[in-house]
Each structure stands twice: as C-alpha cells, then as structure tokens.
Amino acid sequence: EQAVSEASPIKMILVKSLVVFIGLLATGIGTSIMFQVGMGSAP
C-alpha cells in the first residue's frame, strides 16, 4: 500500500493503465466464454 501511495504520478498512470487493460481483457475473455456457451449474455 505504501509503495503504491508513494509512486510518482507517471508511474501511477502506467500502473492504472495496465490494470485497466488487464481488467478489460479478462472481461472480454469472460464475455467470449458466455457467448460461446450460448446460455445468455451479461446484462
């Protein structure tokens, strides 16, 4: 927690951007699985 809180603004932006990308990629994979299964999509 301390390491993240003390990170420079640029480093924090890069970290947040990476997490956003990972999160959206995971969401995309999960959505693809649901589409392939064919039992209804997310809301």
Full PDB file with SEQRES, HELIX, SHEET, SSBOND, CRYST1, ORIGX, SCALE, CONECT and MASTER records, all heavy atoms in Angstrom:
SEQRES   1 A   43  GLU GLN ALA VAL SER GLU ALA SER PRO ILE LYS MET ILE          
SEQRES   2 A   43  LEU VAL LYS SER LEU VAL VAL PHE ILE GLY LEU LEU ALA          
SEQRES   3 A   43  THR GLY ILE GLY THR SER ILE MET PHE GLN VAL GLY MET          
SEQRES   4 A   43  GLY SER ALA PRO                                              
HELIX    1 AA1 GLN A    2  SER A    5  1                                   4    
HELIX    2 AA2 PRO A    9  VAL A   37  1                                  29    
CRYST1    1.000    1.000    1.000  90.00  90.00  90.00 P 1           1          
ORIGX1      1.000000  0.000000  0.000000        0.00000                         
ORIGX2      0.000000  1.000000  0.000000        0.00000                         
ORIGX3      0.000000  0.000000  1.000000        0.00000                         
SCALE1      1.000000  0.000000  0.000000        0.00000                         
SCALE2      0.000000  1.000000  0.000000        0.00000                         
SCALE3      0.000000  0.000000  1.000000        0.00000                         
ATOM      1  N   GLU A   1       0.845  -1.193   0.000  1.00  0.00           N  
ATOM      2  CA  GLU A   1       0.000   0.000   0.000  1.00  0.00           C  
ATOM      3  C   GLU A   1       0.880   1.243   0.000  1.00  0.00           C  
ATOM      4  O   GLU A   1       0.632   2.203  -0.728  1.00  0.00           O  
ATOM      5  CB  GLU A   1      -0.908  -0.001   1.245  1.00  0.00           C  
ATOM      6  CG  GLU A   1      -1.943  -1.117   1.272  1.00  0.00           C  
ATOM      7  CD  GLU A   1      -2.732  -1.079   2.558  1.00  0.00           C  
ATOM      8  OE1 GLU A   1      -2.858   0.015   3.157  1.00  0.00           O  
ATOM      9  OE2 GLU A   1      -3.236  -2.124   2.992  1.00  0.00           O  
ATOM     10  N   GLN A   2       1.934   1.240   0.842  1.00  0.00           N  
ATOM     11  CA  GLN A   2       2.821   2.397   0.942  1.00  0.00           C  
ATOM     12  C   GLN A   2       3.570   2.619  -0.374  1.00  0.00           C  
ATOM     13  O   GLN A   2       3.718   3.752  -0.839  1.00  0.00           O  
ATOM     14  CB  GLN A   2       3.820   2.191   2.074  1.00  0.00           C  
ATOM     15  CG  GLN A   2       4.726   3.407   2.316  1.00  0.00           C  
ATOM     16  CD  GLN A   2       5.648   3.186   3.501  1.00  0.00           C  
ATOM     17  OE1 GLN A   2       5.642   2.122   4.107  1.00  0.00           O  
ATOM     18  NE2 GLN A   2       6.412   4.183   3.819  1.00  0.00           N  
ATOM     19  N   ALA A   3       4.000   1.531  -1.009  1.00  0.00           N  
ATOM     20  CA  ALA A   3       4.745   1.640  -2.263  1.00  0.00           C  
ATOM     21  C   ALA A   3       3.875   2.258  -3.344  1.00  0.00           C  
ATOM     22  O   ALA A   3       4.320   3.119  -4.109  1.00  0.00           O  
ATOM     23  CB  ALA A   3       5.232   0.258  -2.701  1.00  0.00           C  
ATOM     24  N   VAL A   4       2.618   1.837  -3.403  1.00  0.00           N  
ATOM     25  CA  VAL A   4       1.719   2.389  -4.414  1.00  0.00           C  
ATOM     26  C   VAL A   4       1.417   3.847  -4.128  1.00  0.00           C  
ATOM     27  O   VAL A   4       1.413   4.687  -5.016  1.00  0.00           O  
ATOM     28  CB  VAL A   4       0.404   1.560  -4.464  1.00  0.00           C  
ATOM     29  CG1 VAL A   4      -0.609   2.241  -5.377  1.00  0.00           C  
ATOM     30  CG2 VAL A   4       0.695   0.153  -4.951  1.00  0.00           C  
ATOM     31  N   SER A   5       1.166   4.169  -2.831  1.00  0.00           N  
ATOM     32  CA  SER A   5       0.802   5.536  -2.477  1.00  0.00           C  
ATOM     33  C   SER A   5       1.940   6.511  -2.739  1.00  0.00           C  
ATOM     34  O   SER A   5       1.716   7.701  -2.978  1.00  0.00           O  
ATOM     35  CB  SER A   5       0.370   5.597  -1.009  1.00  0.00           C  
ATOM     36  OG  SER A   5       1.461   5.272  -0.162  1.00  0.00           O  
ATOM     37  N   GLU A   6       3.213   6.011  -2.674  1.00  0.00           N  
ATOM     38  CA  GLU A   6       4.355   6.883  -2.871  1.00  0.00           C  
ATOM     39  C   GLU A   6       4.850   6.898  -4.322  1.00  0.00           C  
ATOM     40  O   GLU A   6       5.832   7.551  -4.643  1.00  0.00           O  
ATOM     41  CB  GLU A   6       5.495   6.435  -1.946  1.00  0.00           C  
ATOM     42  CG  GLU A   6       5.188   6.634  -0.465  1.00  0.00           C  
ATOM     43  CD  GLU A   6       6.323   6.161   0.415  1.00  0.00           C  
ATOM     44  OE1 GLU A   6       7.273   5.552  -0.132  1.00  0.00           O  
ATOM     45  OE2 GLU A   6       6.265   6.390   1.635  1.00  0.00           O  
ATOM     46  N   ALA A   7       4.171   6.163  -5.199  1.00  0.00           N  
ATOM     47  CA  ALA A   7       4.585   6.105  -6.597  1.00  0.00           C  
ATOM     48  C   ALA A   7       4.423   7.469  -7.255  1.00  0.00           C  
ATOM     49  O   ALA A   7       3.541   8.249  -6.910  1.00  0.00           O  
ATOM     50  CB  ALA A   7       3.755   5.060  -7.338  1.00  0.00           C  
ATOM     51  N   SER A   8       5.295   7.755  -8.213  1.00  0.00           N  
ATOM     52  CA  SER A   8       5.204   9.012  -8.940  1.00  0.00           C  
ATOM     53  C   SER A   8       3.934   9.041  -9.767  1.00  0.00           C  
ATOM     54  O   SER A   8       3.391   7.984 -10.106  1.00  0.00           O  
ATOM     55  CB  SER A   8       6.423   9.166  -9.854  1.00  0.00           C  
ATOM     56  OG  SER A   8       6.374   8.196 -10.882  1.00  0.00           O  
ATOM     57  N   PRO A   9       3.445  10.258 -10.091  1.00  0.00           N  
ATOM     58  CA  PRO A   9       2.209  10.360 -10.895  1.00  0.00           C  
ATOM     59  C   PRO A   9       2.289   9.589 -12.204  1.00  0.00           C  
ATOM     60  O   PRO A   9       1.322   8.927 -12.594  1.00  0.00           O  
ATOM     61  CB  PRO A   9       2.089  11.865 -11.129  1.00  0.00           C  
ATOM     62  CG  PRO A   9       2.777  12.485  -9.951  1.00  0.00           C  
ATOM     63  CD  PRO A   9       3.927  11.569  -9.652  1.00  0.00           C  
ATOM     64  N   ILE A  10       3.422   9.668 -12.890  1.00  0.00           N  
ATOM     65  CA  ILE A  10       3.563   8.973 -14.170  1.00  0.00           C  
ATOM     66  C   ILE A  10       3.513   7.455 -13.960  1.00  0.00           C  
ATOM     67  O   ILE A  10       2.840   6.728 -14.704  1.00  0.00           O  
ATOM     68  CB  ILE A  10       4.883   9.365 -14.863  1.00  0.00           C  
ATOM     69  CG1 ILE A  10       4.846  10.847 -15.258  1.00  0.00           C  
ATOM     70  CG2 ILE A  10       5.112   8.490 -16.099  1.00  0.00           C  
ATOM     71  CD1 ILE A  10       6.121  11.347 -15.910  1.00  0.00           C  
ATOM     72  N   LYS A  11       4.211   6.987 -12.919  1.00  0.00           N  
ATOM     73  CA  LYS A  11       4.212   5.556 -12.639  1.00  0.00           C  
ATOM     74  C   LYS A  11       2.800   5.093 -12.271  1.00  0.00           C  
ATOM     75  O   LYS A  11       2.372   4.009 -12.689  1.00  0.00           O  
ATOM     76  CB  LYS A  11       5.181   5.239 -11.493  1.00  0.00           C  
ATOM     77  CG  LYS A  11       5.294   3.748 -11.202  1.00  0.00           C  
ATOM     78  CD  LYS A  11       6.335   3.474 -10.121  1.00  0.00           C  
ATOM     79  CE  LYS A  11       6.436   1.974  -9.839  1.00  0.00           C  
ATOM     80  NZ  LYS A  11       7.454   1.688  -8.792  1.00  0.00           N  
ATOM     81  N   MET A  12       2.083   5.908 -11.502  1.00  0.00           N  
ATOM     82  CA  MET A  12       0.726   5.549 -11.120  1.00  0.00           C  
ATOM     83  C   MET A  12      -0.183   5.461 -12.337  1.00  0.00           C  
ATOM     84  O   MET A  12      -1.023   4.554 -12.448  1.00  0.00           O  
ATOM     85  CB  MET A  12       0.172   6.585 -10.126  1.00  0.00           C  
ATOM     86  CG  MET A  12      -1.249   6.294  -9.668  1.00  0.00           C  
ATOM     87  SD  MET A  12      -1.408   4.716  -8.812  1.00  0.00           S  
ATOM     88  CE  MET A  12      -0.622   5.096  -7.246  1.00  0.00           C  
ATOM     89  N   ILE A  13      -0.018   6.387 -13.276  1.00  0.00           N  
ATOM     90  CA  ILE A  13      -0.814   6.358 -14.504  1.00  0.00           C  
ATOM     91  C   ILE A  13      -0.539   5.078 -15.285  1.00  0.00           C  
ATOM     92  O   ILE A  13      -1.461   4.429 -15.802  1.00  0.00           O  
ATOM     93  CB  ILE A  13      -0.517   7.600 -15.372  1.00  0.00           C  
ATOM     94  CG1 ILE A  13      -1.096   8.848 -14.715  1.00  0.00           C  
ATOM     95  CG2 ILE A  13      -1.106   7.429 -16.777  1.00  0.00           C  
ATOM     96  CD1 ILE A  13      -0.732  10.136 -15.429  1.00  0.00           C  
ATOM     97  N   LEU A  14       0.745   4.700 -15.359  1.00  0.00           N  
ATOM     98  CA  LEU A  14       1.119   3.490 -16.082  1.00  0.00           C  
ATOM     99  C   LEU A  14       0.545   2.244 -15.408  1.00  0.00           C  
ATOM    100  O   LEU A  14       0.035   1.335 -16.077  1.00  0.00           O  
ATOM    101  CB  LEU A  14       2.644   3.383 -16.179  1.00  0.00           C  
ATOM    102  CG  LEU A  14       3.333   4.423 -17.071  1.00  0.00           C  
ATOM    103  CD1 LEU A  14       4.854   4.271 -16.979  1.00  0.00           C  
ATOM    104  CD2 LEU A  14       2.870   4.287 -18.517  1.00  0.00           C  
ATOM    105  N   VAL A  15       0.612   2.218 -14.079  1.00  0.00           N  
ATOM    106  CA  VAL A  15       0.076   1.079 -13.329  1.00  0.00           C  
ATOM    107  C   VAL A  15      -1.431   0.977 -13.527  1.00  0.00           C  
ATOM    108  O   VAL A  15      -1.975  -0.111 -13.806  1.00  0.00           O  
ATOM    109  CB  VAL A  15       0.412   1.203 -11.831  1.00  0.00           C  
ATOM    110  CG1 VAL A  15      -0.355   0.147 -11.026  1.00  0.00           C  
ATOM    111  CG2 VAL A  15       1.903   1.051 -11.602  1.00  0.00           C  
ATOM    112  N   LYS A  16      -2.127   2.106 -13.400  1.00  0.00           N  
ATOM    113  CA  LYS A  16      -3.578   2.103 -13.583  1.00  0.00           C  
ATOM    114  C   LYS A  16      -3.954   1.686 -14.998  1.00  0.00           C  
ATOM    115  O   LYS A  16      -4.912   0.923 -15.211  1.00  0.00           O  
ATOM    116  CB  LYS A  16      -4.150   3.491 -13.281  1.00  0.00           C  
ATOM    117  CG  LYS A  16      -4.185   3.853 -11.799  1.00  0.00           C  
ATOM    118  CD  LYS A  16      -4.913   5.167 -11.581  1.00  0.00           C  
ATOM    119  CE  LYS A  16      -5.108   5.477 -10.110  1.00  0.00           C  
ATOM    120  NZ  LYS A  16      -5.909   6.699  -9.886  1.00  0.00           N  
ATOM    121  N   SER A  17      -3.204   2.183 -15.982  1.00  0.00           N  
ATOM    122  CA  SER A  17      -3.489   1.841 -17.373  1.00  0.00           C  
ATOM    123  C   SER A  17      -3.333   0.345 -17.608  1.00  0.00           C  
ATOM    124  O   SER A  17      -4.141  -0.279 -18.309  1.00  0.00           O  
ATOM    125  CB  SER A  17      -2.552   2.611 -18.310  1.00  0.00           C  
ATOM    126  OG  SER A  17      -2.733   4.011 -18.172  1.00  0.00           O  
ATOM    127  N   LEU A  18      -2.277  -0.243 -17.013  1.00  0.00           N  
ATOM    128  CA  LEU A  18      -2.040  -1.677 -17.153  1.00  0.00           C  
ATOM    129  C   LEU A  18      -3.177  -2.480 -16.521  1.00  0.00           C  
ATOM    130  O   LEU A  18      -3.659  -3.458 -17.117  1.00  0.00           O  
ATOM    131  CB  LEU A  18      -0.711  -2.053 -16.495  1.00  0.00           C  
ATOM    132  CG  LEU A  18      -0.347  -3.548 -16.518  1.00  0.00           C  
ATOM    133  CD1 LEU A  18      -0.236  -4.047 -17.957  1.00  0.00           C  
ATOM    134  CD2 LEU A  18       0.953  -3.796 -15.762  1.00  0.00           C  
ATOM    135  N   VAL A  19      -3.621  -2.061 -15.336  1.00  0.00           N  
ATOM    136  CA  VAL A  19      -4.712  -2.778 -14.662  1.00  0.00           C  
ATOM    137  C   VAL A  19      -6.007  -2.649 -15.461  1.00  0.00           C  
ATOM    138  O   VAL A  19      -6.776  -3.614 -15.570  1.00  0.00           O  
ATOM    139  CB  VAL A  19      -4.900  -2.252 -13.228  1.00  0.00           C  
ATOM    140  CG1 VAL A  19      -6.106  -2.934 -12.568  1.00  0.00           C  
ATOM    141  CG2 VAL A  19      -3.658  -2.484 -12.394  1.00  0.00           C  
ATOM    142  N   VAL A  20      -6.263  -1.462 -16.028  1.00  0.00           N  
ATOM    143  CA  VAL A  20      -7.445  -1.279 -16.873  1.00  0.00           C  
ATOM    144  C   VAL A  20      -7.396  -2.246 -18.055  1.00  0.00           C  
ATOM    145  O   VAL A  20      -8.393  -2.910 -18.381  1.00  0.00           O  
ATOM    146  CB  VAL A  20      -7.546   0.176 -17.384  1.00  0.00           C  
ATOM    147  CG1 VAL A  20      -8.577   0.276 -18.516  1.00  0.00           C  
ATOM    148  CG2 VAL A  20      -7.930   1.113 -16.251  1.00  0.00           C  
ATOM    149  N   PHE A  21      -6.227  -2.349 -18.694  1.00  0.00           N  
ATOM    150  CA  PHE A  21      -6.083  -3.250 -19.839  1.00  0.00           C  
ATOM    151  C   PHE A  21      -6.316  -4.705 -19.417  1.00  0.00           C  
ATOM    152  O   PHE A  21      -7.054  -5.440 -20.093  1.00  0.00           O  
ATOM    153  CB  PHE A  21      -4.682  -3.108 -20.444  1.00  0.00           C  
ATOM    154  CG  PHE A  21      -4.417  -4.076 -21.567  1.00  0.00           C  
ATOM    155  CD1 PHE A  21      -4.861  -3.816 -22.850  1.00  0.00           C  
ATOM    156  CD2 PHE A  21      -3.717  -5.262 -21.321  1.00  0.00           C  
ATOM    157  CE1 PHE A  21      -4.619  -4.721 -23.880  1.00  0.00           C  
ATOM    158  CE2 PHE A  21      -3.477  -6.165 -22.343  1.00  0.00           C  
ATOM    159  CZ  PHE A  21      -3.936  -5.890 -23.631  1.00  0.00           C  
ATOM    160  N   ILE A  22      -5.711  -5.113 -18.308  1.00  0.00           N  
ATOM    161  CA  ILE A  22      -5.875  -6.492 -17.831  1.00  0.00           C  
ATOM    162  C   ILE A  22      -7.343  -6.762 -17.493  1.00  0.00           C  
ATOM    163  O   ILE A  22      -7.897  -7.818 -17.830  1.00  0.00           O  
ATOM    164  CB  ILE A  22      -4.984  -6.752 -16.601  1.00  0.00           C  
ATOM    165  CG1 ILE A  22      -3.510  -6.703 -17.003  1.00  0.00           C  
ATOM    166  CG2 ILE A  22      -5.314  -8.098 -15.962  1.00  0.00           C  
ATOM    167  CD1 ILE A  22      -2.549  -6.774 -15.838  1.00  0.00           C  
ATOM    168  N   GLY A  23      -7.980  -5.796 -16.825  1.00  0.00           N  
ATOM    169  CA  GLY A  23      -9.379  -5.963 -16.454  1.00  0.00           C  
ATOM    170  C   GLY A  23     -10.287  -6.093 -17.662  1.00  0.00           C  
ATOM    171  O   GLY A  23     -11.162  -6.963 -17.706  1.00  0.00           O  
ATOM    172  N   LEU A  24     -10.077  -5.243 -18.659  1.00  0.00           N  
ATOM    173  CA  LEU A  24     -10.917  -5.299 -19.852  1.00  0.00           C  
ATOM    174  C   LEU A  24     -10.640  -6.549 -20.678  1.00  0.00           C  
ATOM    175  O   LEU A  24     -11.556  -7.119 -21.281  1.00  0.00           O  
ATOM    176  CB  LEU A  24     -10.703  -4.044 -20.704  1.00  0.00           C  
ATOM    177  CG  LEU A  24     -11.259  -2.747 -20.102  1.00  0.00           C  
ATOM    178  CD1 LEU A  24     -11.013  -1.570 -21.041  1.00  0.00           C  
ATOM    179  CD2 LEU A  24     -12.755  -2.883 -19.817  1.00  0.00           C  
ATOM    180  N   LEU A  25      -9.386  -6.990 -20.699  1.00  0.00           N  
ATOM    181  CA  LEU A  25      -9.063  -8.232 -21.403  1.00  0.00           C  
ATOM    182  C   LEU A  25      -9.765  -9.413 -20.731  1.00  0.00           C  
ATOM    183  O   LEU A  25     -10.349 -10.278 -21.412  1.00  0.00           O  
ATOM    184  CB  LEU A  25      -7.550  -8.459 -21.419  1.00  0.00           C  
ATOM    185  CG  LEU A  25      -7.080  -9.762 -22.090  1.00  0.00           C  
ATOM    186  CD1 LEU A  25      -7.544  -9.824 -23.537  1.00  0.00           C  
ATOM    187  CD2 LEU A  25      -5.562  -9.894 -21.996  1.00  0.00           C  
ATOM    188  N   ALA A  26      -9.725  -9.445 -19.395  1.00  0.00           N  
ATOM    189  CA  ALA A  26     -10.405 -10.509 -18.661  1.00  0.00           C  
ATOM    190  C   ALA A  26     -11.908 -10.456 -18.922  1.00  0.00           C  
ATOM    191  O   ALA A  26     -12.552 -11.495 -19.148  1.00  0.00           O  
ATOM    192  CB  ALA A  26     -10.125 -10.376 -17.163  1.00  0.00           C  
ATOM    193  N   THR A  27     -12.473  -9.253 -18.919  1.00  0.00           N  
ATOM    194  CA  THR A  27     -13.900  -9.099 -19.189  1.00  0.00           C  
ATOM    195  C   THR A  27     -14.234  -9.562 -20.609  1.00  0.00           C  
ATOM    196  O   THR A  27     -15.271 -10.194 -20.837  1.00  0.00           O  
ATOM    197  CB  THR A  27     -14.328  -7.625 -19.012  1.00  0.00           C  
ATOM    198  OG1 THR A  27     -13.936  -7.181 -17.713  1.00  0.00           O  
ATOM    199  CG2 THR A  27     -15.834  -7.481 -19.138  1.00  0.00           C  
ATOM    200  N   GLY A  28     -13.348  -9.258 -21.557  1.00  0.00           N  
ATOM    201  CA  GLY A  28     -13.553  -9.695 -22.926  1.00  0.00           C  
ATOM    202  C   GLY A  28     -13.516 -11.208 -23.051  1.00  0.00           C  
ATOM    203  O   GLY A  28     -14.337 -11.809 -23.759  1.00  0.00           O  
ATOM    204  N   ILE A  29     -12.570 -11.850 -22.345  1.00  0.00           N  
ATOM    205  CA  ILE A  29     -12.480 -13.313 -22.370  1.00  0.00           C  
ATOM    206  C   ILE A  29     -13.729 -13.929 -21.742  1.00  0.00           C  
ATOM    207  O   ILE A  29     -14.310 -14.884 -22.283  1.00  0.00           O  
ATOM    208  CB  ILE A  29     -11.215 -13.784 -21.621  1.00  0.00           C  
ATOM    209  CG1 ILE A  29      -9.961 -13.358 -22.391  1.00  0.00           C  
ATOM    210  CG2 ILE A  29     -11.234 -15.299 -21.415  1.00  0.00           C  
ATOM    211  CD1 ILE A  29      -8.657 -13.630 -21.656  1.00  0.00           C  
ATOM    212  N   GLY A  30     -14.153 -13.379 -20.596  1.00  0.00           N  
ATOM    213  CA  GLY A  30     -15.355 -13.895 -19.944  1.00  0.00           C  
ATOM    214  C   GLY A  30     -16.587 -13.739 -20.815  1.00  0.00           C  
ATOM    215  O   GLY A  30     -17.435 -14.646 -20.895  1.00  0.00           O  
ATOM    216  N   THR A  31     -16.699 -12.592 -21.486  1.00  0.00           N  
ATOM    217  CA  THR A  31     -17.827 -12.358 -22.390  1.00  0.00           C  
ATOM    218  C   THR A  31     -17.796 -13.344 -23.545  1.00  0.00           C  
ATOM    219  O   THR A  31     -18.841 -13.876 -23.958  1.00  0.00           O  
ATOM    220  CB  THR A  31     -17.774 -10.919 -22.936  1.00  0.00           C  
ATOM    221  OG1 THR A  31     -17.838  -9.992 -21.838  1.00  0.00           O  
ATOM    222  CG2 THR A  31     -18.936 -10.646 -23.883  1.00  0.00           C  
ATOM    223  N   SER A  32     -16.608 -13.612 -24.073  1.00  0.00           N  
ATOM    224  CA  SER A  32     -16.461 -14.581 -25.168  1.00  0.00           C  
ATOM    225  C   SER A  32     -16.905 -15.975 -24.727  1.00  0.00           C  
ATOM    226  O   SER A  32     -17.581 -16.688 -25.478  1.00  0.00           O  
ATOM    227  CB  SER A  32     -15.007 -14.626 -25.637  1.00  0.00           C  
ATOM    228  OG  SER A  32     -14.587 -13.375 -26.125  1.00  0.00           O  
ATOM    229  N   ILE A  33     -16.531 -16.347 -23.505  1.00  0.00           N  
ATOM    230  CA  ILE A  33     -16.945 -17.653 -22.977  1.00  0.00           C  
ATOM    231  C   ILE A  33     -18.462 -17.734 -22.911  1.00  0.00           C  
ATOM    232  O   ILE A  33     -19.071 -18.734 -23.325  1.00  0.00           O  
ATOM    233  CB  ILE A  33     -16.330 -17.892 -21.582  1.00  0.00           C  
ATOM    234  CG1 ILE A  33     -14.809 -18.041 -21.683  1.00  0.00           C  
ATOM    235  CG2 ILE A  33     -16.935 -19.136 -20.934  1.00  0.00           C  
ATOM    236  CD1 ILE A  33     -14.108 -18.127 -20.345  1.00  0.00           C  
ATOM    237  N   MET A  34     -19.105 -16.672 -22.421  1.00  0.00           N  
ATOM    238  CA  MET A  34     -20.558 -16.671 -22.306  1.00  0.00           C  
ATOM    239  C   MET A  34     -21.226 -16.747 -23.672  1.00  0.00           C  
ATOM    240  O   MET A  34     -22.235 -17.436 -23.850  1.00  0.00           O  
ATOM    241  CB  MET A  34     -21.022 -15.430 -21.541  1.00  0.00           C  
ATOM    242  CG  MET A  34     -20.588 -15.395 -20.085  1.00  0.00           C  
ATOM    243  SD  MET A  34     -21.252 -13.990 -19.167  1.00  0.00           S  
ATOM    244  CE  MET A  34     -22.983 -14.447 -19.059  1.00  0.00           C  
ATOM    245  N   PHE A  35     -20.678 -16.025 -24.641  1.00  0.00           N  
ATOM    246  CA  PHE A  35     -21.226 -16.090 -25.996  1.00  0.00           C  
ATOM    247  C   PHE A  35     -21.110 -17.507 -26.560  1.00  0.00           C  
ATOM    248  O   PHE A  35     -22.045 -18.030 -27.178  1.00  0.00           O  
ATOM    249  CB  PHE A  35     -20.487 -15.114 -26.915  1.00  0.00           C  
ATOM    250  CG  PHE A  35     -20.922 -13.681 -26.763  1.00  0.00           C  
ATOM    251  CD1 PHE A  35     -20.029 -12.646 -27.012  1.00  0.00           C  
ATOM    252  CD2 PHE A  35     -22.201 -13.357 -26.372  1.00  0.00           C  
ATOM    253  CE1 PHE A  35     -20.413 -11.323 -26.885  1.00  0.00           C  
ATOM    254  CE2 PHE A  35     -22.608 -12.037 -26.219  1.00  0.00           C  
ATOM    255  CZ  PHE A  35     -21.710 -11.015 -26.483  1.00  0.00           C  
ATOM    256  N   GLN A  36     -19.943 -18.139 -26.344  1.00  0.00           N  
ATOM    257  CA  GLN A  36     -19.705 -19.474 -26.877  1.00  0.00           C  
ATOM    258  C   GLN A  36     -20.617 -20.511 -26.221  1.00  0.00           C  
ATOM    259  O   GLN A  36     -21.109 -21.433 -26.880  1.00  0.00           O  
ATOM    260  CB  GLN A  36     -18.238 -19.873 -26.680  1.00  0.00           C  
ATOM    261  CG  GLN A  36     -17.243 -19.082 -27.506  1.00  0.00           C  
ATOM    262  CD  GLN A  36     -17.367 -19.350 -28.990  1.00  0.00           C  
ATOM    263  OE1 GLN A  36     -17.631 -20.480 -29.398  1.00  0.00           O  
ATOM    264  NE2 GLN A  36     -17.199 -18.319 -29.800  1.00  0.00           N  
ATOM    265  N   VAL A  37     -20.850 -20.358 -24.918  1.00  0.00           N  
ATOM    266  CA  VAL A  37     -21.703 -21.293 -24.190  1.00  0.00           C  
ATOM    267  C   VAL A  37     -23.149 -21.190 -24.672  1.00  0.00           C  
ATOM    268  O   VAL A  37     -23.872 -22.188 -24.767  1.00  0.00           O  
ATOM    269  CB  VAL A  37     -21.613 -21.033 -22.673  1.00  0.00           C  
ATOM    270  CG1 VAL A  37     -22.683 -21.830 -21.922  1.00  0.00           C  
ATOM    271  CG2 VAL A  37     -20.237 -21.413 -22.157  1.00  0.00           C  
ATOM    272  N   GLY A  38     -23.585 -19.969 -24.983  1.00  0.00           N  
ATOM    273  CA  GLY A  38     -24.931 -19.777 -25.525  1.00  0.00           C  
ATOM    274  C   GLY A  38     -26.053 -19.923 -24.518  1.00  0.00           C  
ATOM    275  O   GLY A  38     -27.151 -20.397 -24.859  1.00  0.00           O  
ATOM    276  N   MET A  39     -25.806 -19.509 -23.269  1.00  0.00           N  
ATOM    277  CA  MET A  39     -26.855 -19.600 -22.245  1.00  0.00           C  
ATOM    278  C   MET A  39     -27.251 -18.217 -21.737  1.00  0.00           C  
ATOM    279  O   MET A  39     -27.727 -18.067 -20.620  1.00  0.00           O  
ATOM    280  CB  MET A  39     -26.376 -20.483 -21.086  1.00  0.00           C  
ATOM    281  CG  MET A  39     -26.057 -21.903 -21.475  1.00  0.00           C  
ATOM    282  SD  MET A  39     -25.520 -22.931 -20.072  1.00  0.00           S  
ATOM    283  CE  MET A  39     -27.067 -23.097 -19.176  1.00  0.00           C  
ATOM    284  N   GLY A  40     -27.063 -17.225 -22.582  1.00  0.00           N  
ATOM    285  CA  GLY A  40     -27.415 -15.861 -22.200  1.00  0.00           C  
ATOM    286  C   GLY A  40     -26.177 -15.029 -21.917  1.00  0.00           C  
ATOM    287  O   GLY A  40     -25.190 -15.546 -21.387  1.00  0.00           O  
ATOM    288  N   SER A  41     -26.227 -13.760 -22.272  1.00  0.00           N  
ATOM    289  CA  SER A  41     -25.080 -12.874 -22.065  1.00  0.00           C  
ATOM    290  C   SER A  41     -25.239 -12.068 -20.779  1.00  0.00           C  
ATOM    291  O   SER A  41     -26.299 -12.097 -20.140  1.00  0.00           O  
ATOM    292  CB  SER A  41     -24.929 -11.918 -23.249  1.00  0.00           C  
ATOM    293  OG  SER A  41     -26.095 -11.115 -23.399  1.00  0.00           O  
ATOM    294  N   ALA A  42     -24.195 -11.348 -20.415  1.00  0.00           N  
ATOM    295  CA  ALA A  42     -24.250 -10.462 -19.245  1.00  0.00           C  
ATOM    296  C   ALA A  42     -25.215  -9.309 -19.541  1.00  0.00           C  
ATOM    297  O   ALA A  42     -25.500  -9.014 -20.710  1.00  0.00           O  
ATOM    298  CB  ALA A  42     -22.860  -9.944 -18.928  1.00  0.00           C  
ATOM    299  N   PRO A  43     -25.730  -8.638 -18.507  1.00  0.00           N  
ATOM    300  CA  PRO A  43     -26.709  -7.565 -18.697  1.00  0.00           C  
ATOM    301  C   PRO A  43     -26.332  -6.494 -19.721  1.00  0.00           C  
ATOM    302  O   PRO A  43     -27.181  -6.115 -20.547  1.00  0.00           O  
ATOM    303  CB  PRO A  43     -26.863  -6.984 -17.293  1.00  0.00           C  
ATOM    304  CG  PRO A  43     -26.664  -8.174 -16.411  1.00  0.00           C  
ATOM    305  CD  PRO A  43     -25.563  -8.958 -17.070  1.00  0.00           C  
TER     306      PRO A  43                                                      
MASTER        0    0    0    2    0    0    0    6  305    1    0    4          
END                                                                             
